[in-house]
N, C-alpha and C. Protein backbone atom coordinates (compact mmCIF):
# COMPACT_ATOMS: atom_id res chain seq x y z
N MET A 1 38.93 -0.44 6.43
CA MET A 1 37.76 0.89 6.32
C MET A 1 37.50 0.19 4.64
N SER A 2 36.55 0.12 4.66
CA SER A 2 35.45 -0.21 3.37
C SER A 2 35.74 -0.20 1.93
N ALA A 3 36.04 -0.56 1.08
CA ALA A 3 36.81 -0.31 -0.17
C ALA A 3 35.36 0.01 -0.98
N ARG A 4 34.10 -0.47 -0.43
CA ARG A 4 32.95 -0.12 -1.22
C ARG A 4 32.80 1.70 -0.69
N PRO A 5 32.42 2.51 -1.43
CA PRO A 5 31.85 3.55 -1.25
C PRO A 5 30.49 3.20 -0.88
N LYS A 6 30.49 4.23 0.72
CA LYS A 6 28.98 3.78 1.45
C LYS A 6 28.48 4.81 0.53
N THR A 7 27.42 4.56 0.12
CA THR A 7 25.77 5.73 -0.97
C THR A 7 24.79 6.44 0.30
N THR A 8 25.18 7.22 0.02
CA THR A 8 23.78 8.07 1.12
C THR A 8 22.72 7.81 1.21
N GLY A 9 21.86 7.93 1.98
CA GLY A 9 20.89 7.19 2.81
C GLY A 9 20.50 5.44 2.76
N VAL A 10 21.50 5.03 2.55
CA VAL A 10 21.48 3.48 2.43
C VAL A 10 21.32 2.94 4.23
N ASN A 11 19.95 2.47 3.71
CA ASN A 11 19.57 1.91 5.42
C ASN A 11 20.41 0.40 5.29
N PRO A 12 20.74 0.02 6.35
CA PRO A 12 21.12 -1.38 6.74
C PRO A 12 20.12 -2.23 6.66
N LYS A 13 19.02 -1.80 7.22
CA LYS A 13 17.86 -2.66 7.14
C LYS A 13 17.59 -3.11 6.16
N VAL A 14 17.57 -2.37 4.55
CA VAL A 14 17.58 -2.87 3.40
C VAL A 14 18.10 -3.64 2.96
N ASP A 15 19.59 -3.56 3.46
CA ASP A 15 20.88 -4.39 2.96
C ASP A 15 20.74 -5.22 3.34
N GLU A 16 20.13 -5.65 4.56
CA GLU A 16 19.50 -7.00 4.85
C GLU A 16 18.36 -7.85 4.15
N PHE A 17 17.35 -6.91 4.10
CA PHE A 17 16.21 -7.44 3.08
C PHE A 17 16.86 -8.10 1.79
N LEU A 18 18.09 -7.23 0.92
CA LEU A 18 18.73 -7.58 0.02
C LEU A 18 19.32 -8.77 0.05
N ASN A 19 19.74 -8.94 1.16
CA ASN A 19 20.46 -10.21 1.23
C ASN A 19 19.67 -11.15 1.23
N ASP A 20 18.71 -10.98 2.39
CA ASP A 20 17.66 -12.68 2.34
C ASP A 20 17.15 -12.51 1.33
N ALA A 21 16.50 -11.32 0.30
CA ALA A 21 15.66 -11.54 -0.84
C ALA A 21 16.38 -12.80 -2.02
N THR A 22 15.33 -13.87 -2.50
CA THR A 22 15.64 -15.12 -3.32
C THR A 22 15.10 -14.89 -4.57
N LYS A 23 14.21 -13.53 -4.72
CA LYS A 23 13.90 -13.26 -5.79
C LYS A 23 13.47 -11.88 -5.87
N TRP A 24 13.62 -11.57 -7.28
CA TRP A 24 13.77 -10.01 -7.92
C TRP A 24 14.90 -9.17 -6.92
N ARG A 25 15.96 -9.85 -6.31
CA ARG A 25 16.60 -9.55 -6.05
C ARG A 25 17.65 -8.25 -6.79
N GLU A 26 18.41 -8.37 -7.59
CA GLU A 26 18.67 -7.61 -8.93
C GLU A 26 18.06 -6.67 -8.96
N GLU A 27 16.37 -6.65 -9.39
CA GLU A 27 15.42 -6.03 -9.90
C GLU A 27 15.25 -4.64 -8.36
N PHE A 28 15.26 -5.16 -7.60
CA PHE A 28 14.83 -4.06 -6.47
C PHE A 28 16.59 -4.02 -5.76
N GLU A 29 17.74 -3.84 -6.31
CA GLU A 29 18.55 -3.46 -6.67
C GLU A 29 18.67 -1.97 -7.36
N ARG A 30 18.24 -2.44 -8.31
CA ARG A 30 18.17 -1.29 -9.37
C ARG A 30 17.34 0.16 -8.96
N LEU A 31 15.77 -0.23 -8.87
CA LEU A 31 15.12 0.32 -8.50
C LEU A 31 15.51 1.10 -6.94
N ARG A 32 16.29 0.10 -6.15
CA ARG A 32 16.38 1.14 -4.86
C ARG A 32 17.53 2.65 -5.64
N LYS A 33 18.84 2.09 -6.47
CA LYS A 33 19.62 2.89 -6.57
C LYS A 33 18.81 4.13 -7.38
N ILE A 34 17.32 3.69 -7.85
CA ILE A 34 16.70 5.09 -8.92
C ILE A 34 16.57 5.95 -7.36
N ALA A 35 15.52 5.31 -6.48
CA ALA A 35 15.30 6.02 -5.81
C ALA A 35 16.14 7.12 -5.05
N LEU A 36 16.84 6.05 -4.67
CA LEU A 36 18.32 7.12 -3.71
C LEU A 36 18.77 7.96 -4.69
N GLY A 37 19.02 8.11 -5.94
CA GLY A 37 19.07 8.49 -6.49
C GLY A 37 18.02 10.21 -6.79
N CYS A 38 17.19 9.70 -6.30
CA CYS A 38 15.92 11.04 -6.19
C CYS A 38 15.92 11.39 -4.89
N ARG A 39 17.23 11.36 -4.03
CA ARG A 39 17.14 12.20 -3.07
C ARG A 39 16.59 11.67 -1.96
N LEU A 40 16.14 10.49 -1.91
CA LEU A 40 14.74 10.05 -0.81
C LEU A 40 15.21 9.11 0.20
N THR A 41 14.44 8.96 1.54
CA THR A 41 14.91 8.84 2.59
C THR A 41 14.73 7.29 3.22
N GLU A 42 15.53 6.06 2.72
CA GLU A 42 15.39 4.61 2.66
C GLU A 42 14.79 4.14 3.72
N ASP A 43 14.21 3.33 3.96
CA ASP A 43 13.29 2.81 5.42
C ASP A 43 12.81 1.55 5.05
N LEU A 44 12.91 0.72 5.48
CA LEU A 44 12.16 -0.52 6.08
C LEU A 44 10.49 -0.31 6.59
N LYS A 45 9.64 -0.32 6.02
CA LYS A 45 7.95 -0.63 6.10
C LYS A 45 6.97 -1.51 5.73
N TRP A 46 6.54 -2.28 6.76
CA TRP A 46 6.02 -3.53 6.49
C TRP A 46 7.18 -3.88 5.97
N GLY A 47 8.02 -4.35 6.41
CA GLY A 47 8.89 -5.53 5.74
C GLY A 47 9.26 -5.39 4.73
N GLN A 48 9.10 -4.10 3.81
CA GLN A 48 9.31 -3.51 2.19
C GLN A 48 10.74 -2.54 2.31
N PRO A 49 11.00 -2.16 1.53
CA PRO A 49 11.67 -1.27 1.27
C PRO A 49 10.93 0.13 1.12
N CYS A 50 11.05 0.98 1.79
CA CYS A 50 10.40 2.28 1.27
C CYS A 50 10.83 3.66 1.71
N TYR A 51 10.46 4.03 0.76
CA TYR A 51 11.03 5.46 0.23
C TYR A 51 10.40 6.40 0.67
N THR A 52 10.91 7.62 1.23
CA THR A 52 10.39 9.36 2.32
C THR A 52 10.90 10.17 2.11
N LEU A 53 10.02 11.10 1.69
CA LEU A 53 10.34 12.43 2.21
C LEU A 53 10.12 13.58 3.06
N ASP A 54 10.85 13.74 3.71
CA ASP A 54 10.35 14.76 5.23
C ASP A 54 9.18 13.54 5.92
N GLY A 55 9.56 12.86 5.84
CA GLY A 55 8.90 11.68 6.63
C GLY A 55 7.68 10.90 6.24
N LYS A 56 7.25 11.75 4.58
CA LYS A 56 6.04 10.93 4.24
C LYS A 56 6.52 10.46 3.26
N ASN A 57 5.39 9.51 2.99
CA ASN A 57 6.27 7.99 1.93
C ASN A 57 5.52 8.51 0.80
N ILE A 58 7.15 8.18 -0.14
CA ILE A 58 6.49 8.39 -1.64
C ILE A 58 6.52 6.75 -2.52
N VAL A 59 7.30 6.34 -2.23
CA VAL A 59 7.41 4.63 -3.19
C VAL A 59 7.91 3.76 -1.89
N LEU A 60 7.26 2.44 -2.29
CA LEU A 60 7.79 1.23 -1.87
C LEU A 60 8.37 0.34 -2.85
N MET A 61 8.57 -0.57 -2.47
CA MET A 61 9.13 -1.85 -3.48
C MET A 61 8.74 -3.48 -3.37
N HIS A 62 8.14 -3.79 -3.67
CA HIS A 62 7.20 -5.31 -3.30
C HIS A 62 7.50 -5.99 -4.00
N GLY A 63 7.90 -7.37 -3.95
CA GLY A 63 7.44 -8.80 -4.67
C GLY A 63 6.56 -9.81 -4.59
N PHE A 64 5.96 -9.87 -5.87
CA PHE A 64 5.07 -10.41 -5.71
C PHE A 64 5.32 -12.17 -6.83
N LYS A 65 4.75 -13.07 -7.21
CA LYS A 65 5.20 -14.57 -7.41
C LYS A 65 5.48 -14.18 -8.65
N ASP A 66 4.68 -13.69 -9.42
CA ASP A 66 4.65 -13.08 -11.34
C ASP A 66 5.81 -12.09 -11.39
N TYR A 67 5.57 -10.40 -10.16
CA TYR A 67 6.21 -9.48 -11.19
C TYR A 67 6.23 -9.25 -9.60
N CYS A 68 7.42 -7.93 -9.76
CA CYS A 68 8.00 -6.69 -8.56
C CYS A 68 7.61 -5.52 -9.13
N ALA A 69 7.46 -4.77 -7.70
CA ALA A 69 6.86 -3.74 -7.98
C ALA A 69 7.12 -2.43 -7.25
N LEU A 70 7.07 -1.26 -7.72
CA LEU A 70 7.39 0.41 -7.51
C LEU A 70 6.03 1.09 -6.83
N LEU A 71 5.63 1.07 -5.44
CA LEU A 71 4.29 1.34 -5.46
C LEU A 71 4.61 2.79 -5.25
N PHE A 72 3.37 3.61 -5.73
CA PHE A 72 3.35 5.35 -5.67
C PHE A 72 2.23 5.21 -4.33
N PHE A 73 2.58 5.91 -3.08
CA PHE A 73 1.36 6.22 -2.68
C PHE A 73 0.01 6.67 -2.67
N LYS A 74 0.52 7.51 -3.43
CA LYS A 74 -0.49 8.67 -4.17
C LYS A 74 -0.66 9.05 -5.49
N GLY A 75 -0.16 7.56 -5.73
CA GLY A 75 -0.26 7.20 -7.49
C GLY A 75 -1.51 7.78 -7.88
N ALA A 76 -2.94 7.66 -7.51
CA ALA A 76 -4.48 8.23 -8.02
C ALA A 76 -3.76 10.18 -8.32
N LEU A 77 -2.97 10.24 -8.03
CA LEU A 77 -2.87 12.01 -8.02
C LEU A 77 -2.32 12.25 -9.28
N MET A 78 -1.23 11.31 -9.79
CA MET A 78 -0.33 11.78 -10.69
C MET A 78 -1.14 11.06 -11.95
N LYS A 79 0.10 11.85 -12.99
CA LYS A 79 -0.60 12.26 -14.13
C LYS A 79 -0.38 11.23 -15.21
N ASP A 80 0.41 10.20 -15.31
CA ASP A 80 0.73 9.16 -15.57
C ASP A 80 1.34 8.87 -17.12
N PRO A 81 1.28 10.06 -17.87
CA PRO A 81 1.69 9.75 -19.66
C PRO A 81 2.14 8.80 -19.61
N ALA A 82 2.64 7.92 -19.40
CA ALA A 82 3.35 6.70 -19.95
C ALA A 82 2.05 5.32 -20.01
N GLY A 83 1.29 5.84 -18.71
CA GLY A 83 -0.07 5.02 -19.16
C GLY A 83 0.32 3.83 -18.25
N ILE A 84 1.11 3.58 -17.26
CA ILE A 84 2.37 2.37 -16.98
C ILE A 84 1.56 2.40 -15.15
N LEU A 85 1.24 3.30 -14.76
CA LEU A 85 0.58 2.67 -13.21
C LEU A 85 -0.94 2.26 -12.85
N ILE A 86 -0.47 0.58 -11.92
CA ILE A 86 -1.49 0.02 -12.26
C ILE A 86 -2.39 0.11 -11.05
N LYS A 87 -3.54 -0.05 -11.02
CA LYS A 87 -4.50 -0.45 -9.61
C LYS A 87 -4.63 -1.40 -9.27
N GLN A 88 -4.37 -1.62 -8.15
CA GLN A 88 -4.07 -3.83 -7.71
C GLN A 88 -4.95 -4.43 -7.95
N THR A 89 -6.19 -4.09 -7.04
CA THR A 89 -7.87 -3.86 -6.88
C THR A 89 -8.27 -2.51 -6.89
N GLU A 90 -9.53 -3.15 -7.18
CA GLU A 90 -10.82 -2.33 -7.33
C GLU A 90 -10.98 -1.09 -6.01
N ASN A 91 -10.76 -2.24 -4.93
CA ASN A 91 -10.68 -0.97 -3.34
C ASN A 91 -9.91 -0.51 -3.60
N VAL A 92 -8.62 -0.09 -3.97
CA VAL A 92 -7.63 0.20 -3.74
C VAL A 92 -7.93 1.70 -4.08
N GLN A 93 -7.65 2.40 -3.36
CA GLN A 93 -7.81 4.28 -3.61
C GLN A 93 -7.03 5.26 -4.00
N ALA A 94 -5.87 4.76 -3.18
CA ALA A 94 -4.88 5.87 -3.40
C ALA A 94 -3.37 5.81 -4.37
N ALA A 95 -2.59 4.37 -4.07
CA ALA A 95 -1.29 3.62 -4.35
C ALA A 95 -1.94 3.53 -6.29
N ARG A 96 -1.03 3.34 -6.42
CA ARG A 96 -0.79 2.54 -7.92
C ARG A 96 0.93 2.46 -8.30
N GLN A 97 0.47 0.96 -8.72
CA GLN A 97 1.91 0.17 -9.24
C GLN A 97 2.62 0.58 -10.36
N ILE A 98 3.90 0.33 -10.27
CA ILE A 98 4.32 0.16 -11.97
C ILE A 98 4.99 -1.70 -11.56
N ARG A 99 4.46 -2.36 -12.57
CA ARG A 99 4.87 -3.67 -12.63
C ARG A 99 6.25 -3.93 -13.38
N PHE A 100 7.04 -4.99 -12.70
CA PHE A 100 8.42 -5.48 -13.74
C PHE A 100 8.49 -7.01 -13.79
N THR A 101 8.96 -7.69 -14.84
CA THR A 101 9.49 -8.51 -14.56
C THR A 101 11.17 -9.64 -14.92
N SER A 102 11.25 -7.82 -15.10
CA SER A 102 12.67 -8.14 -15.02
C SER A 102 13.63 -6.67 -15.06
N VAL A 103 15.16 -7.31 -15.23
CA VAL A 103 15.91 -5.62 -14.79
C VAL A 103 16.00 -4.86 -15.83
N ARG A 104 16.05 -5.48 -17.18
CA ARG A 104 15.69 -5.17 -18.44
C ARG A 104 14.77 -4.08 -18.57
N GLU A 105 13.53 -4.14 -18.23
CA GLU A 105 12.58 -3.48 -18.21
C GLU A 105 12.96 -2.29 -17.17
N ILE A 106 12.95 -2.52 -16.27
CA ILE A 106 13.07 -1.23 -15.35
C ILE A 106 14.85 -0.28 -15.88
N VAL A 107 15.71 -1.38 -16.49
CA VAL A 107 16.94 0.27 -17.11
C VAL A 107 16.08 0.73 -17.72
N LYS A 108 15.23 0.05 -19.02
CA LYS A 108 14.51 0.76 -20.20
C LYS A 108 13.91 1.52 -19.67
N LEU A 109 13.28 1.80 -18.84
CA LEU A 109 12.18 3.08 -18.33
C LEU A 109 12.80 3.67 -17.24
N GLU A 110 14.09 3.47 -16.49
CA GLU A 110 14.77 4.76 -15.84
C GLU A 110 14.57 5.76 -16.14
N PRO A 111 14.52 6.54 -17.71
CA PRO A 111 14.48 7.74 -17.38
C PRO A 111 12.75 8.28 -16.82
N THR A 112 11.79 7.82 -17.09
CA THR A 112 10.75 7.05 -16.84
C THR A 112 10.34 7.40 -15.27
N LEU A 113 11.35 6.32 -14.77
CA LEU A 113 10.59 6.29 -13.47
C LEU A 113 10.94 6.97 -12.44
N LYS A 114 12.43 8.09 -12.81
CA LYS A 114 12.98 8.98 -12.06
C LYS A 114 11.91 10.40 -12.07
N ALA A 115 11.21 10.68 -13.53
CA ALA A 115 10.47 11.19 -13.44
C ALA A 115 9.13 11.23 -12.86
N TYR A 116 8.57 10.21 -12.68
CA TYR A 116 7.10 9.91 -11.99
C TYR A 116 7.40 9.59 -10.09
N ILE A 117 8.84 9.56 -9.74
CA ILE A 117 9.46 9.61 -8.19
C ILE A 117 9.71 11.35 -8.54
N GLU A 118 9.81 12.27 -9.39
CA GLU A 118 9.97 13.36 -9.06
C GLU A 118 8.73 14.22 -8.71
N GLU A 119 7.83 13.50 -9.65
CA GLU A 119 6.47 14.04 -9.92
C GLU A 119 5.96 14.17 -8.94
N ALA A 120 5.98 12.56 -8.26
CA ALA A 120 5.55 12.06 -6.62
C ALA A 120 6.18 12.83 -5.65
N MET A 121 7.52 13.14 -5.52
CA MET A 121 7.58 13.84 -4.61
C MET A 121 6.94 15.47 -5.12
N ALA A 122 6.73 16.20 -6.07
CA ALA A 122 6.01 17.37 -6.14
C ALA A 122 4.58 17.50 -5.26
N VAL A 123 3.62 16.15 -5.27
CA VAL A 123 2.47 16.04 -5.41
C VAL A 123 2.60 15.83 -3.71
N GLU A 124 3.31 15.46 -2.92
CA GLU A 124 4.15 15.64 -1.86
C GLU A 124 4.07 17.06 -0.98
N LYS A 125 5.13 17.22 -1.57
CA LYS A 125 4.96 19.31 -1.27
C LYS A 125 4.30 19.61 -1.43
N ALA A 126 3.25 19.45 -2.79
CA ALA A 126 1.82 20.52 -2.52
C ALA A 126 1.03 20.01 -1.41
N GLY A 127 1.56 18.95 -0.82
CA GLY A 127 0.65 18.74 0.24
C GLY A 127 -0.66 18.68 -0.30
N LEU A 128 -0.94 17.83 -1.98
CA LEU A 128 -2.49 17.15 -2.43
C LEU A 128 -2.77 16.13 -1.45
N GLU A 129 -3.75 15.71 -1.61
CA GLU A 129 -4.78 14.43 -0.49
C GLU A 129 -5.61 13.78 -1.71
N VAL A 130 -5.87 12.11 -1.49
CA VAL A 130 -6.39 11.50 -2.30
C VAL A 130 -8.00 11.98 -1.33
N ASP A 131 -8.85 12.17 -2.64
CA ASP A 131 -10.20 11.84 -1.64
C ASP A 131 -11.06 10.87 -1.65
N TYR A 132 -10.33 10.20 -0.09
CA TYR A 132 -10.90 8.90 -0.05
C TYR A 132 -12.23 9.07 -0.02
N LYS A 133 -13.10 7.73 -0.08
CA LYS A 133 -14.74 7.31 -0.51
C LYS A 133 -15.02 7.60 0.97
N LYS A 134 -16.06 7.80 1.20
CA LYS A 134 -16.38 8.27 3.08
C LYS A 134 -17.10 6.48 3.19
N THR A 135 -16.79 6.20 4.83
CA THR A 135 -17.23 4.76 4.90
C THR A 135 -18.83 4.95 4.42
N SER A 136 -19.48 6.17 4.65
CA SER A 136 -20.87 5.83 3.84
C SER A 136 -21.56 5.52 2.72
N GLU A 137 -20.06 5.70 1.69
CA GLU A 137 -20.26 5.29 0.58
C GLU A 137 -20.35 3.79 0.35
N PHE A 138 -19.39 3.08 1.31
CA PHE A 138 -19.15 1.76 1.11
C PHE A 138 -20.36 1.34 1.65
N GLU A 139 -20.95 -0.40 0.50
CA GLU A 139 -21.97 -1.04 0.58
C GLU A 139 -21.64 -1.67 2.31
N MET A 140 -22.47 -1.56 2.74
CA MET A 140 -22.92 -2.32 4.27
C MET A 140 -23.87 -3.57 3.68
N PRO A 141 -23.29 -4.56 3.84
CA PRO A 141 -23.59 -5.67 3.49
C PRO A 141 -24.87 -5.93 4.45
N GLU A 142 -26.19 -6.72 4.01
CA GLU A 142 -27.82 -6.74 4.61
C GLU A 142 -27.55 -7.44 5.98
N GLU A 143 -26.27 -8.50 6.21
CA GLU A 143 -25.93 -9.63 6.95
C GLU A 143 -25.65 -8.81 8.53
N PHE A 144 -24.87 -7.66 8.14
CA PHE A 144 -24.36 -6.88 8.88
C PHE A 144 -25.37 -5.94 9.14
N GLN A 145 -25.69 -5.11 8.66
CA GLN A 145 -27.19 -4.49 8.61
C GLN A 145 -27.33 -4.74 10.33
N THR A 146 -28.35 -6.08 9.92
CA THR A 146 -29.60 -6.78 11.12
C THR A 146 -28.52 -6.95 11.88
N LYS A 147 -27.08 -7.50 11.90
CA LYS A 147 -26.80 -7.90 13.69
C LYS A 147 -26.57 -6.63 13.91
N LEU A 148 -26.08 -5.41 13.22
CA LEU A 148 -25.49 -4.01 14.34
C LEU A 148 -27.31 -3.72 14.50
N LYS A 149 -28.58 -3.90 14.12
CA LYS A 149 -30.00 -3.49 14.36
C LYS A 149 -29.99 -4.11 15.69
N SER A 150 -29.72 -5.28 15.79
CA SER A 150 -30.03 -6.52 16.63
C SER A 150 -29.55 -6.66 18.08
N ASP A 151 -28.12 -5.88 17.82
CA ASP A 151 -26.78 -6.11 19.18
C ASP A 151 -26.48 -4.45 18.97
N ALA A 152 -26.87 -3.83 20.31
CA ALA A 152 -26.37 -2.41 20.59
C ALA A 152 -25.30 -2.19 20.52
N SER A 153 -24.59 -3.21 21.64
CA SER A 153 -22.97 -2.77 21.95
C SER A 153 -22.25 -2.84 20.69
N LEU A 154 -22.57 -3.70 19.88
CA LEU A 154 -22.10 -3.80 18.15
C LEU A 154 -21.68 -2.74 18.11
N LYS A 155 -23.07 -2.33 17.59
CA LYS A 155 -23.04 -0.51 16.58
C LYS A 155 -22.09 0.06 17.29
N ALA A 156 -22.31 0.16 18.67
CA ALA A 156 -21.38 1.44 19.39
C ALA A 156 -20.06 1.39 18.99
N ALA A 157 -19.62 -0.08 19.46
CA ALA A 157 -18.17 -0.51 18.94
C ALA A 157 -17.37 -0.31 17.56
N PHE A 158 -18.62 -0.56 16.58
CA PHE A 158 -18.28 -0.42 15.29
C PHE A 158 -18.32 1.00 14.72
N LYS A 159 -19.40 1.78 15.33
CA LYS A 159 -19.37 3.33 15.43
C LYS A 159 -18.23 3.64 15.57
N ALA A 160 -17.31 3.75 17.20
CA ALA A 160 -16.54 3.95 17.53
C ALA A 160 -15.09 3.75 16.85
N LEU A 161 -15.30 2.93 15.90
CA LEU A 161 -14.13 2.14 15.28
C LEU A 161 -13.54 3.66 14.41
N THR A 162 -12.15 3.52 13.98
CA THR A 162 -11.62 4.45 13.15
C THR A 162 -12.38 4.30 11.83
N PRO A 163 -12.30 5.60 10.73
CA PRO A 163 -13.13 5.49 9.36
C PRO A 163 -12.48 4.21 8.66
N GLY A 164 -10.80 4.27 8.76
CA GLY A 164 -9.83 3.37 7.61
C GLY A 164 -10.44 2.16 8.81
N ARG A 165 -10.76 1.39 9.94
CA ARG A 165 -11.14 0.03 10.15
C ARG A 165 -12.45 -0.34 9.84
N GLN A 166 -13.33 0.27 9.71
CA GLN A 166 -14.62 0.56 9.65
C GLN A 166 -14.95 0.01 8.10
N ARG A 167 -13.59 0.98 7.39
CA ARG A 167 -13.85 0.42 5.79
C ARG A 167 -13.64 -1.04 5.34
N ALA A 168 -12.20 -1.41 6.12
CA ALA A 168 -11.84 -2.92 6.10
C ALA A 168 -12.64 -3.73 6.03
N TYR A 169 -13.27 -3.36 7.37
CA TYR A 169 -14.28 -4.82 7.73
C TYR A 169 -15.77 -4.75 6.88
N LEU A 170 -16.19 -3.98 6.32
CA LEU A 170 -17.33 -3.77 5.07
C LEU A 170 -16.51 -4.48 3.84
N LEU A 171 -15.37 -3.97 3.46
CA LEU A 171 -15.09 -4.81 2.42
C LEU A 171 -14.71 -5.97 2.58
N HIS A 172 -14.31 -6.25 3.37
CA HIS A 172 -14.44 -8.11 3.67
C HIS A 172 -14.92 -8.43 4.15
N PHE A 173 -16.33 -7.94 4.55
CA PHE A 173 -17.51 -8.84 4.73
C PHE A 173 -18.40 -8.66 2.89
N SER A 174 -18.34 -7.73 2.33
CA SER A 174 -19.17 -8.17 0.96
C SER A 174 -18.30 -8.28 0.08
N SER A 175 -16.91 -8.28 0.27
CA SER A 175 -16.36 -9.50 -0.87
C SER A 175 -16.52 -11.08 -0.75
N ALA A 176 -17.16 -11.05 -0.09
CA ALA A 176 -17.59 -12.77 -0.03
C ALA A 176 -19.23 -12.63 -0.55
N LYS A 177 -19.17 -13.49 -1.97
CA LYS A 177 -20.37 -14.07 -3.31
C LYS A 177 -21.37 -14.42 -1.98
N GLN A 178 -21.08 -15.07 -1.23
CA GLN A 178 -22.29 -15.78 -0.72
C GLN A 178 -22.94 -15.14 0.73
N SER A 179 -23.87 -15.42 0.97
CA SER A 179 -24.77 -14.84 2.73
C SER A 179 -23.78 -15.49 3.59
N LYS A 180 -23.94 -17.16 3.17
CA LYS A 180 -23.37 -17.64 4.13
C LYS A 180 -21.81 -17.68 4.49
N THR A 181 -20.91 -17.22 3.34
CA THR A 181 -19.80 -16.39 3.93
C THR A 181 -19.80 -15.58 4.64
N ARG A 182 -20.44 -14.49 4.04
CA ARG A 182 -20.54 -13.03 4.66
C ARG A 182 -21.05 -13.22 6.55
N GLU A 183 -21.91 -14.51 6.40
CA GLU A 183 -22.72 -14.30 7.71
C GLU A 183 -21.62 -15.03 9.08
N SER A 184 -20.27 -15.66 7.94
CA SER A 184 -19.44 -16.80 8.63
C SER A 184 -17.81 -15.70 9.12
N ARG A 185 -18.19 -14.91 8.09
CA ARG A 185 -17.34 -13.71 8.07
C ARG A 185 -17.55 -12.43 9.39
N ILE A 186 -18.83 -12.46 9.41
CA ILE A 186 -19.19 -11.21 10.45
C ILE A 186 -18.94 -12.04 11.85
N ALA A 187 -19.65 -13.31 12.08
CA ALA A 187 -19.80 -13.65 13.74
C ALA A 187 -18.06 -13.77 13.95
N LYS A 188 -17.01 -14.16 12.52
CA LYS A 188 -15.58 -14.28 13.24
C LYS A 188 -15.17 -13.00 13.79
N CYS A 189 -15.44 -11.37 13.48
CA CYS A 189 -14.99 -10.81 13.45
C CYS A 189 -15.93 -9.70 14.50
N ILE A 190 -16.50 -10.31 15.19
CA ILE A 190 -17.47 -9.89 16.09
C ILE A 190 -16.52 -9.48 17.48
N PRO A 191 -15.87 -10.48 17.53
CA PRO A 191 -15.22 -10.07 19.08
C PRO A 191 -14.22 -9.48 18.99
N ARG A 192 -13.10 -9.09 17.27
CA ARG A 192 -12.81 -8.17 17.48
C ARG A 192 -13.23 -6.61 17.30
N ILE A 193 -13.75 -6.43 16.90
CA ILE A 193 -14.68 -5.26 16.84
C ILE A 193 -15.64 -4.61 18.28
N LEU A 194 -15.63 -5.36 19.03
CA LEU A 194 -16.05 -4.92 20.26
C LEU A 194 -14.86 -5.00 21.08
N GLU A 195 -13.13 -5.91 20.60
CA GLU A 195 -12.88 -5.25 21.48
C GLU A 195 -11.94 -3.75 21.43
N GLY A 196 -12.51 -3.51 19.85
CA GLY A 196 -12.40 -2.20 19.06
C GLY A 196 -10.64 -2.26 18.43
N LYS A 197 -10.53 -3.37 18.13
CA LYS A 197 -9.83 -3.53 17.13
C LYS A 197 -9.83 -4.05 15.71
N GLY A 198 -8.77 -3.08 15.12
CA GLY A 198 -9.50 -3.36 13.76
C GLY A 198 -8.58 -5.00 13.11
N LEU A 199 -9.48 -5.13 11.58
CA LEU A 199 -8.89 -6.27 10.80
C LEU A 199 -7.99 -6.67 10.64
N ASP A 200 -7.25 -6.13 10.66
CA ASP A 200 -5.85 -6.35 10.85
C ASP A 200 -4.99 -6.28 12.17
N ASP A 201 -5.01 -5.28 13.19
CA ASP A 201 -4.77 -5.27 14.35
C ASP A 201 -3.95 -6.50 15.18
């Protein structure tokens, strides 16, 4: 019998993730303790420790070169009284991050983090949903419009994609500053669109 008491809700996949972590390991350990203390279920999703409530994603821990972060899936619906929630890029609609560069920062913010997780859980329990921008509100690059007009099968295939897949393509195309780059991206993606696949499928 192990001398170390087993924490409720600990997932062996996350144990493995932490054992393999070469960076931010201490920070992840601390964030994990906080999330489990809020009675969330631990899982590994997209290769990252993820904490859920009744099967719904609440927060995810992930590490980057300069910081690690606690990501709130519906952070856009939270009040953020401490002003610490960050929108990762301008195109992110729902998720928000709290970033850290040391365990000290996490320890200092622990009561706030618990309060934020509790609020995120309340948002989920209330069934609140983020009002996503419709695909029609996303900019469609002229180069792609031209392709759709001249190719009926491409137009039909693009229309048949889920709204999320359509948005991902439009963001991918329009984020290129030069027309030549946009055309090259479109040309590369056409076979995937015709196969009914998304950008990351």
